[in-house]
Amino acid sequence: MTENTREFFETLEARAGGSSKAAGLNATYLFDIDGAGKWIVRVENGQVKVHEGEGDADTTISASEEIFMRIVNGEQNATSAFMMGKLKVRGDMSNAMKLQQLF
């Protein structure tokens, strides 16, 4: 179980990079987590790179830190959070759907 948002993003490269889960995925995500910060996650053929801050992204995902951590820890379904308006997605929606295989 991940303790906080910063820990999640600081350890994401080690957990997801080079795994078969990310194979064939080429996308850039901006995570705008209210109360925690912003992170860019670039996925290129199985390699995951994360850096804090803003930048160009194919898909932007916004949520409160509470909702984001509940999703990450398996306590909240991302689709239902989206349908309830607690998780917002802008840009390429198909890329957002592919995130479930990474996390």
N, C-alpha and C. Protein backbone atom coordinates (compact mmCIF):
# COMPACT_ATOMS: atom_id res chain seq x y z
N MET A 1 0.84 -1.18 0.00
CA MET A 1 0.00 0.00 0.00
C MET A 1 0.89 1.24 0.00
N THR A 2 0.62 2.15 -0.92
CA THR A 2 1.40 3.37 -1.03
C THR A 2 0.91 4.37 0.01
N GLU A 3 1.84 5.01 0.69
CA GLU A 3 1.51 5.92 1.77
C GLU A 3 0.98 7.27 1.29
N ASN A 4 1.64 7.85 0.27
CA ASN A 4 1.21 9.16 -0.21
C ASN A 4 1.52 9.32 -1.69
N THR A 5 1.02 10.40 -2.26
CA THR A 5 1.16 10.63 -3.70
C THR A 5 2.61 10.78 -4.12
N ARG A 6 3.38 11.52 -3.36
CA ARG A 6 4.80 11.72 -3.69
C ARG A 6 5.52 10.37 -3.74
N GLU A 7 5.30 9.53 -2.76
CA GLU A 7 5.92 8.20 -2.73
C GLU A 7 5.51 7.39 -3.96
N PHE A 8 4.23 7.48 -4.33
CA PHE A 8 3.75 6.75 -5.50
C PHE A 8 4.54 7.13 -6.74
N PHE A 9 4.69 8.44 -6.99
CA PHE A 9 5.39 8.87 -8.20
C PHE A 9 6.90 8.67 -8.11
N GLU A 10 7.48 8.79 -6.91
CA GLU A 10 8.91 8.57 -6.76
C GLU A 10 9.30 7.11 -7.00
N THR A 11 8.39 6.19 -6.80
CA THR A 11 8.71 4.78 -6.97
C THR A 11 8.11 4.18 -8.25
N LEU A 12 7.38 4.98 -9.01
CA LEU A 12 6.69 4.46 -10.20
C LEU A 12 7.65 3.92 -11.25
N GLU A 13 8.75 4.61 -11.52
CA GLU A 13 9.71 4.14 -12.53
C GLU A 13 10.20 2.74 -12.19
N ALA A 14 10.55 2.52 -10.93
CA ALA A 14 11.08 1.23 -10.51
C ALA A 14 10.01 0.14 -10.59
N ARG A 15 8.77 0.49 -10.29
CA ARG A 15 7.70 -0.50 -10.28
C ARG A 15 7.19 -0.83 -11.67
N ALA A 16 7.12 0.17 -12.57
CA ALA A 16 6.48 -0.04 -13.88
C ALA A 16 7.46 -0.06 -15.04
N GLY A 17 8.61 0.57 -14.89
CA GLY A 17 9.55 0.66 -15.99
C GLY A 17 10.09 -0.69 -16.42
N GLY A 18 10.11 -0.90 -17.72
CA GLY A 18 10.66 -2.13 -18.26
C GLY A 18 9.77 -3.35 -18.08
N SER A 19 8.60 -3.15 -17.54
CA SER A 19 7.72 -4.30 -17.34
C SER A 19 6.91 -4.58 -18.60
N SER A 20 6.45 -5.79 -18.72
CA SER A 20 5.63 -6.15 -19.87
C SER A 20 4.31 -5.40 -19.86
N LYS A 21 3.91 -4.89 -18.69
CA LYS A 21 2.66 -4.14 -18.59
C LYS A 21 2.69 -2.88 -19.44
N ALA A 22 3.86 -2.27 -19.59
CA ALA A 22 3.98 -1.03 -20.32
C ALA A 22 4.43 -1.24 -21.77
N ALA A 23 4.69 -2.48 -22.16
CA ALA A 23 5.17 -2.77 -23.51
C ALA A 23 4.16 -2.30 -24.56
N GLY A 24 4.68 -1.62 -25.56
CA GLY A 24 3.85 -1.15 -26.67
C GLY A 24 3.08 0.13 -26.39
N LEU A 25 3.14 0.63 -25.17
CA LEU A 25 2.43 1.86 -24.82
C LEU A 25 3.36 3.05 -25.01
N ASN A 26 2.90 4.04 -25.76
CA ASN A 26 3.64 5.28 -25.98
C ASN A 26 2.70 6.43 -25.69
N ALA A 27 2.87 7.05 -24.52
CA ALA A 27 1.98 8.12 -24.12
C ALA A 27 2.65 8.99 -23.06
N THR A 28 2.16 10.22 -22.96
CA THR A 28 2.62 11.13 -21.93
C THR A 28 1.41 11.60 -21.14
N TYR A 29 1.54 11.52 -19.82
CA TYR A 29 0.46 11.87 -18.92
C TYR A 29 0.89 13.00 -17.99
N LEU A 30 -0.03 13.91 -17.73
CA LEU A 30 0.16 14.90 -16.69
C LEU A 30 -0.83 14.57 -15.59
N PHE A 31 -0.32 14.29 -14.40
CA PHE A 31 -1.16 14.06 -13.24
C PHE A 31 -1.18 15.34 -12.42
N ASP A 32 -2.36 15.92 -12.29
CA ASP A 32 -2.56 17.14 -11.51
C ASP A 32 -3.35 16.74 -10.27
N ILE A 33 -2.62 16.51 -9.19
CA ILE A 33 -3.23 15.98 -7.97
C ILE A 33 -3.35 17.12 -6.96
N ASP A 34 -4.60 17.56 -6.77
CA ASP A 34 -4.89 18.67 -5.89
C ASP A 34 -4.44 18.35 -4.46
N GLY A 35 -3.62 19.22 -3.91
CA GLY A 35 -3.13 19.00 -2.56
C GLY A 35 -1.80 18.27 -2.51
N ALA A 36 -1.29 17.82 -3.67
CA ALA A 36 -0.04 17.07 -3.67
C ALA A 36 0.98 17.58 -4.69
N GLY A 37 0.52 18.00 -5.88
CA GLY A 37 1.45 18.49 -6.90
C GLY A 37 1.10 17.97 -8.28
N LYS A 38 2.05 18.16 -9.20
CA LYS A 38 1.88 17.74 -10.59
C LYS A 38 3.08 16.92 -11.01
N TRP A 39 2.80 15.88 -11.79
CA TRP A 39 3.86 15.00 -12.29
C TRP A 39 3.61 14.66 -13.75
N ILE A 40 4.70 14.58 -14.52
CA ILE A 40 4.65 14.11 -15.90
C ILE A 40 5.15 12.67 -15.90
N VAL A 41 4.38 11.79 -16.53
CA VAL A 41 4.77 10.39 -16.67
C VAL A 41 4.84 10.09 -18.16
N ARG A 42 6.03 9.75 -18.65
CA ARG A 42 6.23 9.40 -20.06
C ARG A 42 6.46 7.90 -20.16
N VAL A 43 5.68 7.28 -21.03
CA VAL A 43 5.81 5.84 -21.26
C VAL A 43 6.18 5.65 -22.72
N GLU A 44 7.32 5.03 -22.96
CA GLU A 44 7.79 4.77 -24.32
C GLU A 44 8.27 3.33 -24.41
N ASN A 45 7.48 2.50 -25.08
CA ASN A 45 7.82 1.08 -25.29
C ASN A 45 8.33 0.39 -24.04
N GLY A 46 7.57 0.48 -22.98
CA GLY A 46 7.92 -0.24 -21.76
C GLY A 46 8.77 0.54 -20.78
N GLN A 47 9.33 1.65 -21.20
CA GLN A 47 10.15 2.46 -20.30
C GLN A 47 9.30 3.59 -19.73
N VAL A 48 9.36 3.76 -18.42
CA VAL A 48 8.57 4.78 -17.73
C VAL A 48 9.52 5.79 -17.11
N LYS A 49 9.28 7.07 -17.40
CA LYS A 49 10.07 8.17 -16.83
C LYS A 49 9.11 9.12 -16.14
N VAL A 50 9.47 9.53 -14.95
CA VAL A 50 8.61 10.41 -14.16
C VAL A 50 9.41 11.63 -13.73
N HIS A 51 8.80 12.80 -13.84
CA HIS A 51 9.40 13.98 -13.24
C HIS A 51 8.31 14.90 -12.71
N GLU A 52 8.64 15.58 -11.65
CA GLU A 52 7.68 16.47 -11.02
C GLU A 52 7.59 17.76 -11.82
N GLY A 53 6.39 18.30 -11.93
CA GLY A 53 6.18 19.56 -12.64
C GLY A 53 5.20 19.38 -13.78
N GLU A 54 5.09 20.45 -14.57
CA GLU A 54 4.16 20.44 -15.69
C GLU A 54 4.90 20.26 -17.00
N GLY A 55 4.14 20.02 -18.05
CA GLY A 55 4.70 19.88 -19.38
C GLY A 55 3.63 19.43 -20.35
N ASP A 56 4.02 19.25 -21.61
CA ASP A 56 3.08 18.78 -22.61
C ASP A 56 2.72 17.33 -22.33
N ALA A 57 1.44 17.02 -22.51
CA ALA A 57 0.98 15.65 -22.27
C ALA A 57 -0.16 15.33 -23.21
N ASP A 58 -0.25 14.05 -23.58
CA ASP A 58 -1.36 13.57 -24.40
C ASP A 58 -2.65 13.53 -23.58
N THR A 59 -2.51 13.21 -22.29
CA THR A 59 -3.65 13.03 -21.41
C THR A 59 -3.36 13.68 -20.06
N THR A 60 -4.32 14.44 -19.56
CA THR A 60 -4.21 15.06 -18.24
C THR A 60 -5.24 14.42 -17.32
N ILE A 61 -4.78 14.02 -16.15
CA ILE A 61 -5.65 13.39 -15.17
C ILE A 61 -5.61 14.24 -13.91
N SER A 62 -6.80 14.64 -13.46
CA SER A 62 -6.90 15.50 -12.28
C SER A 62 -7.79 14.83 -11.24
N ALA A 63 -7.37 14.94 -9.99
CA ALA A 63 -8.15 14.40 -8.87
C ALA A 63 -7.61 15.01 -7.59
N SER A 64 -8.38 14.88 -6.53
CA SER A 64 -7.88 15.26 -5.21
C SER A 64 -6.89 14.19 -4.77
N GLU A 65 -6.04 14.54 -3.84
CA GLU A 65 -5.08 13.55 -3.35
C GLU A 65 -5.81 12.38 -2.70
N GLU A 66 -6.88 12.64 -1.98
CA GLU A 66 -7.63 11.57 -1.32
C GLU A 66 -8.16 10.56 -2.34
N ILE A 67 -8.81 11.04 -3.39
CA ILE A 67 -9.36 10.15 -4.41
C ILE A 67 -8.25 9.42 -5.14
N PHE A 68 -7.18 10.13 -5.52
CA PHE A 68 -6.07 9.50 -6.23
C PHE A 68 -5.48 8.36 -5.41
N MET A 69 -5.25 8.60 -4.13
CA MET A 69 -4.65 7.56 -3.29
C MET A 69 -5.61 6.39 -3.09
N ARG A 70 -6.89 6.65 -3.04
CA ARG A 70 -7.86 5.55 -2.92
C ARG A 70 -7.83 4.69 -4.19
N ILE A 71 -7.69 5.33 -5.35
CA ILE A 71 -7.59 4.58 -6.62
C ILE A 71 -6.31 3.75 -6.64
N VAL A 72 -5.20 4.38 -6.32
CA VAL A 72 -3.89 3.71 -6.33
C VAL A 72 -3.87 2.51 -5.39
N ASN A 73 -4.52 2.64 -4.25
CA ASN A 73 -4.51 1.57 -3.25
C ASN A 73 -5.64 0.57 -3.43
N GLY A 74 -6.38 0.68 -4.53
CA GLY A 74 -7.42 -0.29 -4.83
C GLY A 74 -8.69 -0.14 -4.01
N GLU A 75 -8.85 1.00 -3.37
CA GLU A 75 -10.03 1.23 -2.54
C GLU A 75 -11.14 1.95 -3.31
N GLN A 76 -10.82 2.46 -4.49
CA GLN A 76 -11.78 3.20 -5.32
C GLN A 76 -11.59 2.78 -6.76
N ASN A 77 -12.66 2.48 -7.44
CA ASN A 77 -12.61 2.15 -8.86
C ASN A 77 -12.44 3.45 -9.65
N ALA A 78 -11.45 3.50 -10.54
CA ALA A 78 -11.18 4.71 -11.32
C ALA A 78 -12.35 5.08 -12.22
N THR A 79 -12.99 4.09 -12.82
CA THR A 79 -14.12 4.37 -13.71
C THR A 79 -15.27 4.99 -12.94
N SER A 80 -15.59 4.46 -11.78
CA SER A 80 -16.69 5.03 -11.01
C SER A 80 -16.33 6.42 -10.49
N ALA A 81 -15.06 6.65 -10.13
CA ALA A 81 -14.63 7.99 -9.72
C ALA A 81 -14.79 8.98 -10.87
N PHE A 82 -14.47 8.54 -12.07
CA PHE A 82 -14.65 9.37 -13.26
C PHE A 82 -16.13 9.68 -13.48
N MET A 83 -16.96 8.66 -13.39
CA MET A 83 -18.40 8.83 -13.62
C MET A 83 -19.04 9.75 -12.58
N MET A 84 -18.49 9.77 -11.36
CA MET A 84 -19.00 10.63 -10.30
C MET A 84 -18.38 12.03 -10.34
N GLY A 85 -17.47 12.26 -11.29
CA GLY A 85 -16.84 13.58 -11.41
C GLY A 85 -15.70 13.83 -10.44
N LYS A 86 -15.25 12.79 -9.76
CA LYS A 86 -14.16 12.94 -8.80
C LYS A 86 -12.79 12.78 -9.44
N LEU A 87 -12.77 12.23 -10.65
CA LEU A 87 -11.56 12.05 -11.44
C LEU A 87 -11.85 12.66 -12.80
N LYS A 88 -11.01 13.59 -13.23
CA LYS A 88 -11.23 14.26 -14.51
C LYS A 88 -10.13 13.88 -15.48
N VAL A 89 -10.51 13.67 -16.73
CA VAL A 89 -9.56 13.29 -17.78
C VAL A 89 -9.75 14.23 -18.95
N ARG A 90 -8.63 14.82 -19.41
CA ARG A 90 -8.65 15.67 -20.61
C ARG A 90 -7.64 15.10 -21.59
N GLY A 91 -7.97 15.17 -22.87
CA GLY A 91 -7.05 14.67 -23.89
C GLY A 91 -7.45 13.30 -24.36
N ASP A 92 -6.46 12.48 -24.63
CA ASP A 92 -6.66 11.15 -25.21
C ASP A 92 -7.23 10.18 -24.17
N MET A 93 -8.52 9.92 -24.26
CA MET A 93 -9.20 9.05 -23.30
C MET A 93 -8.70 7.61 -23.39
N SER A 94 -8.33 7.15 -24.59
CA SER A 94 -7.85 5.77 -24.72
C SER A 94 -6.55 5.58 -23.93
N ASN A 95 -5.72 6.61 -23.86
CA ASN A 95 -4.49 6.51 -23.05
C ASN A 95 -4.83 6.38 -21.57
N ALA A 96 -5.86 7.08 -21.15
CA ALA A 96 -6.28 6.99 -19.74
C ALA A 96 -6.71 5.58 -19.41
N MET A 97 -7.41 4.94 -20.32
CA MET A 97 -7.88 3.57 -20.09
C MET A 97 -6.70 2.60 -19.97
N LYS A 98 -5.62 2.89 -20.66
CA LYS A 98 -4.44 2.01 -20.64
C LYS A 98 -3.67 2.12 -19.32
N LEU A 99 -3.92 3.17 -18.56
CA LEU A 99 -3.21 3.34 -17.28
C LEU A 99 -3.49 2.19 -16.31
N GLN A 100 -4.65 1.62 -16.40
CA GLN A 100 -4.98 0.55 -15.46
C GLN A 100 -3.99 -0.62 -15.56
N GLN A 101 -3.44 -0.83 -16.75
CA GLN A 101 -2.45 -1.91 -16.87
C GLN A 101 -1.13 -1.55 -16.21
N LEU A 102 -0.82 -0.27 -16.06
CA LEU A 102 0.42 0.14 -15.40
C LEU A 102 0.32 0.12 -13.89
N PHE A 103 -0.84 0.53 -13.40
CA PHE A 103 -0.99 0.66 -11.95
C PHE A 103 -1.62 -0.58 -11.39
